[in-house]
Amino acid sequence: MADLDLTAVPVATGVADVAAAAVAAAGGGDTAPVGPGRFLYVNNGSGGSITVTVATPGSVSGLAISDTAVAVAAGDIALIPLANVHRGANGRAAITYSGVTDLTVAAFELGS
């Protein structure tokens, strides 16, 4: 898994070049920091739908929390929150993809 770094999006201007910050999704998945105001940008440039899954390793009253799975249609962009519920043992979210051809991703944080 590759570690995605956070790119700050200034709240005052709200301007960030998200496409320029995006990198190719790793075939074995990626990890990203979690927390309030953090999200995953996904750009699916492929010809088919791709499912992005963010693991939720916790449980509530002994019941496992379902992973977050988002289907991103061909040619679409998705923003997926990286909430504290996604925090793994290493402090980061574990992210996998059903395919990585023409798929770019980036981790963002709303800044000050």
N, C-alpha and C. Protein backbone atom coordinates (compact mmCIF):
# COMPACT_ATOMS: atom_id res chain seq x y z
N MET A 1 0.85 -1.19 0.00
CA MET A 1 0.00 0.00 0.00
C MET A 1 0.88 1.24 0.00
N ALA A 2 0.46 2.21 -0.78
CA ALA A 2 1.17 3.48 -0.82
C ALA A 2 0.52 4.46 0.14
N ASP A 3 1.33 5.30 0.76
CA ASP A 3 0.83 6.32 1.69
C ASP A 3 0.54 7.61 0.93
N LEU A 4 -0.72 8.06 0.98
CA LEU A 4 -1.08 9.33 0.37
C LEU A 4 -0.82 10.44 1.38
N ASP A 5 -0.19 11.53 0.93
CA ASP A 5 0.03 12.69 1.78
C ASP A 5 -1.18 13.62 1.67
N LEU A 6 -1.39 14.41 2.71
CA LEU A 6 -2.49 15.38 2.70
C LEU A 6 -2.10 16.63 1.93
N THR A 7 -3.05 17.17 1.18
CA THR A 7 -2.92 18.47 0.55
C THR A 7 -3.95 19.37 1.20
N ALA A 8 -3.51 20.53 1.70
CA ALA A 8 -4.41 21.46 2.37
C ALA A 8 -5.22 22.25 1.36
N VAL A 9 -6.51 22.42 1.65
CA VAL A 9 -7.39 23.27 0.87
C VAL A 9 -7.72 24.46 1.75
N PRO A 10 -7.21 25.66 1.45
CA PRO A 10 -7.47 26.81 2.31
C PRO A 10 -8.95 27.14 2.37
N VAL A 11 -9.47 27.31 3.58
CA VAL A 11 -10.89 27.61 3.75
C VAL A 11 -11.19 29.03 3.25
N ALA A 12 -10.26 29.95 3.47
CA ALA A 12 -10.49 31.34 3.09
C ALA A 12 -10.72 31.49 1.58
N THR A 13 -9.95 30.77 0.78
CA THR A 13 -10.09 30.90 -0.68
C THR A 13 -10.79 29.70 -1.30
N GLY A 14 -10.67 28.54 -0.65
CA GLY A 14 -11.28 27.32 -1.19
C GLY A 14 -10.67 26.88 -2.50
N VAL A 15 -9.48 27.40 -2.80
CA VAL A 15 -8.87 27.10 -4.08
C VAL A 15 -7.73 26.09 -3.90
N ALA A 16 -7.82 24.99 -4.59
CA ALA A 16 -6.77 23.99 -4.61
C ALA A 16 -6.85 23.26 -5.94
N ASP A 17 -5.72 22.97 -6.52
CA ASP A 17 -5.70 22.24 -7.79
C ASP A 17 -5.72 20.75 -7.48
N VAL A 18 -6.93 20.22 -7.28
CA VAL A 18 -7.05 18.83 -6.87
C VAL A 18 -6.53 17.86 -7.92
N ALA A 19 -6.75 18.17 -9.18
CA ALA A 19 -6.28 17.27 -10.24
C ALA A 19 -4.76 17.19 -10.25
N ALA A 20 -4.09 18.30 -9.99
CA ALA A 20 -2.62 18.31 -10.00
C ALA A 20 -2.06 17.53 -8.82
N ALA A 21 -2.78 17.47 -7.72
CA ALA A 21 -2.31 16.76 -6.53
C ALA A 21 -2.56 15.25 -6.62
N ALA A 22 -3.43 14.84 -7.53
CA ALA A 22 -3.80 13.43 -7.64
C ALA A 22 -2.67 12.60 -8.24
N VAL A 23 -2.57 11.36 -7.75
CA VAL A 23 -1.58 10.40 -8.23
C VAL A 23 -2.31 9.13 -8.65
N ALA A 24 -1.63 8.27 -9.38
CA ALA A 24 -2.22 7.00 -9.78
C ALA A 24 -2.50 6.15 -8.54
N ALA A 25 -3.67 5.55 -8.51
CA ALA A 25 -4.03 4.66 -7.40
C ALA A 25 -3.12 3.43 -7.44
N ALA A 26 -2.69 2.98 -6.26
CA ALA A 26 -1.80 1.81 -6.17
C ALA A 26 -2.62 0.53 -6.31
N GLY A 27 -2.10 -0.41 -7.07
CA GLY A 27 -2.78 -1.68 -7.28
C GLY A 27 -3.08 -2.43 -6.00
N GLY A 28 -2.22 -2.32 -5.01
CA GLY A 28 -2.43 -2.99 -3.73
C GLY A 28 -3.19 -2.15 -2.73
N GLY A 29 -3.64 -0.96 -3.15
CA GLY A 29 -4.38 -0.07 -2.28
C GLY A 29 -3.50 1.06 -1.76
N ASP A 30 -4.11 1.98 -1.06
CA ASP A 30 -3.42 3.14 -0.50
C ASP A 30 -3.84 3.32 0.95
N THR A 31 -3.10 4.17 1.66
CA THR A 31 -3.50 4.59 2.99
C THR A 31 -3.51 6.11 3.01
N ALA A 32 -4.32 6.68 3.91
CA ALA A 32 -4.40 8.14 4.02
C ALA A 32 -4.72 8.51 5.46
N PRO A 33 -4.29 9.68 5.90
CA PRO A 33 -4.62 10.16 7.24
C PRO A 33 -6.13 10.38 7.37
N VAL A 34 -6.64 10.17 8.57
CA VAL A 34 -8.07 10.35 8.83
C VAL A 34 -8.28 11.50 9.82
N GLY A 35 -9.51 11.98 9.88
CA GLY A 35 -9.86 13.01 10.86
C GLY A 35 -10.86 14.00 10.28
N PRO A 36 -11.33 14.90 11.12
CA PRO A 36 -12.30 15.90 10.67
C PRO A 36 -11.75 16.74 9.52
N GLY A 37 -12.57 16.99 8.52
CA GLY A 37 -12.18 17.83 7.40
C GLY A 37 -11.27 17.16 6.40
N ARG A 38 -11.09 15.85 6.50
CA ARG A 38 -10.23 15.13 5.56
C ARG A 38 -11.09 14.26 4.64
N PHE A 39 -10.68 14.19 3.37
CA PHE A 39 -11.44 13.40 2.42
C PHE A 39 -10.55 12.89 1.31
N LEU A 40 -11.04 11.88 0.63
CA LEU A 40 -10.35 11.25 -0.48
C LEU A 40 -10.99 11.71 -1.78
N TYR A 41 -10.18 12.21 -2.70
CA TYR A 41 -10.61 12.60 -4.04
C TYR A 41 -10.31 11.42 -4.96
N VAL A 42 -11.30 11.00 -5.73
CA VAL A 42 -11.15 9.88 -6.66
C VAL A 42 -11.63 10.31 -8.03
N ASN A 43 -10.78 10.15 -9.04
CA ASN A 43 -11.14 10.50 -10.41
C ASN A 43 -11.03 9.24 -11.26
N ASN A 44 -12.18 8.75 -11.72
CA ASN A 44 -12.23 7.52 -12.50
C ASN A 44 -12.22 7.85 -13.99
N GLY A 45 -11.04 7.75 -14.61
CA GLY A 45 -10.91 8.01 -16.03
C GLY A 45 -11.07 6.76 -16.88
N SER A 46 -11.42 5.64 -16.25
CA SER A 46 -11.54 4.39 -16.99
C SER A 46 -12.89 4.29 -17.70
N GLY A 47 -13.08 3.21 -18.43
CA GLY A 47 -14.31 3.00 -19.16
C GLY A 47 -15.40 2.29 -18.38
N GLY A 48 -15.13 1.95 -17.12
CA GLY A 48 -16.12 1.23 -16.32
C GLY A 48 -16.16 1.72 -14.88
N SER A 49 -17.18 1.34 -14.17
CA SER A 49 -17.33 1.71 -12.77
C SER A 49 -16.26 1.05 -11.91
N ILE A 50 -15.77 1.77 -10.92
CA ILE A 50 -14.78 1.24 -9.98
C ILE A 50 -15.30 1.46 -8.57
N THR A 51 -15.21 0.43 -7.74
CA THR A 51 -15.63 0.56 -6.34
C THR A 51 -14.41 0.86 -5.48
N VAL A 52 -14.54 1.93 -4.69
CA VAL A 52 -13.50 2.33 -3.75
C VAL A 52 -14.00 1.92 -2.36
N THR A 53 -13.17 1.15 -1.64
CA THR A 53 -13.56 0.68 -0.31
C THR A 53 -12.59 1.22 0.73
N VAL A 54 -13.16 1.87 1.76
CA VAL A 54 -12.37 2.38 2.88
C VAL A 54 -12.73 1.51 4.08
N ALA A 55 -11.74 0.83 4.63
CA ALA A 55 -11.99 -0.10 5.74
C ALA A 55 -12.42 0.66 7.00
N THR A 56 -13.35 0.05 7.73
CA THR A 56 -13.75 0.56 9.04
C THR A 56 -13.49 -0.55 10.04
N PRO A 57 -12.30 -0.51 10.68
CA PRO A 57 -11.87 -1.63 11.51
C PRO A 57 -12.54 -1.76 12.87
N GLY A 58 -13.38 -0.84 13.25
CA GLY A 58 -13.97 -0.86 14.59
C GLY A 58 -15.23 -1.69 14.70
N SER A 59 -15.78 -1.67 15.90
CA SER A 59 -17.05 -2.34 16.16
C SER A 59 -17.83 -1.54 17.19
N VAL A 60 -19.14 -1.78 17.22
CA VAL A 60 -20.02 -1.14 18.18
C VAL A 60 -20.81 -2.24 18.87
N SER A 61 -20.68 -2.32 20.18
CA SER A 61 -21.36 -3.35 20.96
C SER A 61 -21.06 -4.74 20.39
N GLY A 62 -19.83 -4.95 19.97
CA GLY A 62 -19.40 -6.24 19.46
C GLY A 62 -19.78 -6.52 18.02
N LEU A 63 -20.43 -5.59 17.36
CA LEU A 63 -20.83 -5.77 15.97
C LEU A 63 -19.89 -4.98 15.07
N ALA A 64 -19.39 -5.61 14.03
CA ALA A 64 -18.47 -4.96 13.10
C ALA A 64 -19.18 -3.83 12.36
N ILE A 65 -18.45 -2.74 12.15
CA ILE A 65 -18.97 -1.62 11.36
C ILE A 65 -18.68 -1.93 9.89
N SER A 66 -19.67 -1.78 9.05
CA SER A 66 -19.49 -2.06 7.62
C SER A 66 -18.48 -1.11 7.01
N ASP A 67 -17.67 -1.63 6.09
CA ASP A 67 -16.72 -0.79 5.37
C ASP A 67 -17.50 0.20 4.49
N THR A 68 -16.86 1.33 4.21
CA THR A 68 -17.45 2.31 3.31
C THR A 68 -17.09 1.90 1.88
N ALA A 69 -18.07 1.64 1.05
CA ALA A 69 -17.84 1.27 -0.34
C ALA A 69 -18.59 2.25 -1.23
N VAL A 70 -17.85 2.88 -2.15
CA VAL A 70 -18.44 3.88 -3.04
C VAL A 70 -18.15 3.47 -4.48
N ALA A 71 -19.21 3.32 -5.27
CA ALA A 71 -19.05 3.03 -6.70
C ALA A 71 -18.88 4.36 -7.43
N VAL A 72 -17.77 4.46 -8.16
CA VAL A 72 -17.48 5.68 -8.93
C VAL A 72 -17.64 5.31 -10.40
N ALA A 73 -18.65 5.87 -11.04
CA ALA A 73 -18.94 5.55 -12.43
C ALA A 73 -17.82 6.03 -13.35
N ALA A 74 -17.75 5.43 -14.52
CA ALA A 74 -16.75 5.82 -15.52
C ALA A 74 -16.85 7.31 -15.79
N GLY A 75 -15.72 8.00 -15.74
CA GLY A 75 -15.68 9.43 -16.02
C GLY A 75 -16.09 10.32 -14.87
N ASP A 76 -16.46 9.74 -13.74
CA ASP A 76 -16.92 10.54 -12.59
C ASP A 76 -15.81 10.80 -11.57
N ILE A 77 -16.09 11.74 -10.71
CA ILE A 77 -15.22 12.10 -9.59
C ILE A 77 -16.02 11.92 -8.31
N ALA A 78 -15.36 11.42 -7.26
CA ALA A 78 -16.01 11.25 -5.96
C ALA A 78 -15.15 11.88 -4.87
N LEU A 79 -15.82 12.39 -3.84
CA LEU A 79 -15.16 12.85 -2.63
C LEU A 79 -15.69 11.98 -1.49
N ILE A 80 -14.78 11.28 -0.83
CA ILE A 80 -15.16 10.32 0.21
C ILE A 80 -14.56 10.79 1.53
N PRO A 81 -15.40 11.06 2.55
CA PRO A 81 -14.87 11.49 3.84
C PRO A 81 -13.95 10.43 4.44
N LEU A 82 -12.88 10.89 5.07
CA LEU A 82 -11.94 10.01 5.78
C LEU A 82 -12.10 10.29 7.27
N ALA A 83 -13.16 9.75 7.83
CA ALA A 83 -13.53 10.01 9.22
C ALA A 83 -12.71 9.15 10.19
N ASN A 84 -12.76 9.52 11.46
CA ASN A 84 -12.02 8.77 12.49
C ASN A 84 -12.44 7.31 12.55
N VAL A 85 -13.66 6.98 12.13
CA VAL A 85 -14.12 5.60 12.14
C VAL A 85 -13.29 4.72 11.21
N HIS A 86 -12.56 5.34 10.27
CA HIS A 86 -11.72 4.61 9.32
C HIS A 86 -10.29 4.40 9.82
N ARG A 87 -9.97 4.90 11.01
CA ARG A 87 -8.61 4.82 11.54
C ARG A 87 -8.22 3.38 11.84
N GLY A 88 -7.15 2.93 11.18
CA GLY A 88 -6.61 1.59 11.41
C GLY A 88 -5.57 1.62 12.52
N ALA A 89 -4.94 0.49 12.76
CA ALA A 89 -3.94 0.37 13.82
C ALA A 89 -2.75 1.31 13.59
N ASN A 90 -2.47 1.64 12.33
CA ASN A 90 -1.36 2.54 12.01
C ASN A 90 -1.79 4.01 12.00
N GLY A 91 -3.04 4.29 12.37
CA GLY A 91 -3.54 5.65 12.42
C GLY A 91 -4.04 6.18 11.08
N ARG A 92 -4.05 5.34 10.07
CA ARG A 92 -4.44 5.76 8.72
C ARG A 92 -5.59 4.89 8.20
N ALA A 93 -6.29 5.40 7.21
CA ALA A 93 -7.34 4.62 6.55
C ALA A 93 -6.71 3.69 5.52
N ALA A 94 -7.22 2.47 5.43
CA ALA A 94 -6.80 1.51 4.40
C ALA A 94 -7.83 1.57 3.27
N ILE A 95 -7.35 1.86 2.06
CA ILE A 95 -8.23 2.09 0.91
C ILE A 95 -7.88 1.09 -0.19
N THR A 96 -8.89 0.41 -0.72
CA THR A 96 -8.67 -0.52 -1.83
C THR A 96 -9.60 -0.15 -2.99
N TYR A 97 -9.25 -0.68 -4.15
CA TYR A 97 -9.98 -0.34 -5.38
C TYR A 97 -10.27 -1.63 -6.15
N SER A 98 -11.45 -1.68 -6.80
CA SER A 98 -11.78 -2.86 -7.61
C SER A 98 -11.00 -2.85 -8.92
N GLY A 99 -10.41 -1.73 -9.28
CA GLY A 99 -9.57 -1.59 -10.46
C GLY A 99 -8.78 -0.30 -10.33
N VAL A 100 -7.63 -0.22 -10.99
CA VAL A 100 -6.82 0.99 -10.87
C VAL A 100 -6.46 1.62 -12.22
N THR A 101 -6.91 1.03 -13.31
CA THR A 101 -6.61 1.58 -14.62
C THR A 101 -7.25 2.96 -14.76
N ASP A 102 -6.44 3.96 -15.06
CA ASP A 102 -6.90 5.35 -15.23
C ASP A 102 -7.63 5.89 -14.00
N LEU A 103 -7.22 5.45 -12.81
CA LEU A 103 -7.81 5.92 -11.56
C LEU A 103 -6.77 6.76 -10.82
N THR A 104 -7.11 8.01 -10.52
CA THR A 104 -6.22 8.87 -9.75
C THR A 104 -6.89 9.26 -8.45
N VAL A 105 -6.06 9.43 -7.41
CA VAL A 105 -6.57 9.70 -6.07
C VAL A 105 -5.69 10.74 -5.38
N ALA A 106 -6.26 11.39 -4.36
CA ALA A 106 -5.51 12.32 -3.54
C ALA A 106 -6.24 12.46 -2.20
N ALA A 107 -5.48 12.77 -1.16
CA ALA A 107 -6.06 13.02 0.17
C ALA A 107 -6.01 14.52 0.44
N PHE A 108 -7.13 15.07 0.88
CA PHE A 108 -7.23 16.50 1.13
C PHE A 108 -7.72 16.80 2.54
N GLU A 109 -7.35 17.97 3.00
CA GLU A 109 -7.78 18.44 4.32
C GLU A 109 -8.17 19.90 4.20
N LEU A 110 -9.36 20.23 4.72
CA LEU A 110 -9.75 21.64 4.75
C LEU A 110 -8.84 22.35 5.74
N GLY A 111 -8.12 23.36 5.29
CA GLY A 111 -7.17 24.09 6.13
C GLY A 111 -7.79 25.34 6.71
N SER A 112 -6.89 26.17 7.27
CA SER A 112 -7.38 27.41 7.88
C SER A 112 -7.14 28.59 6.95
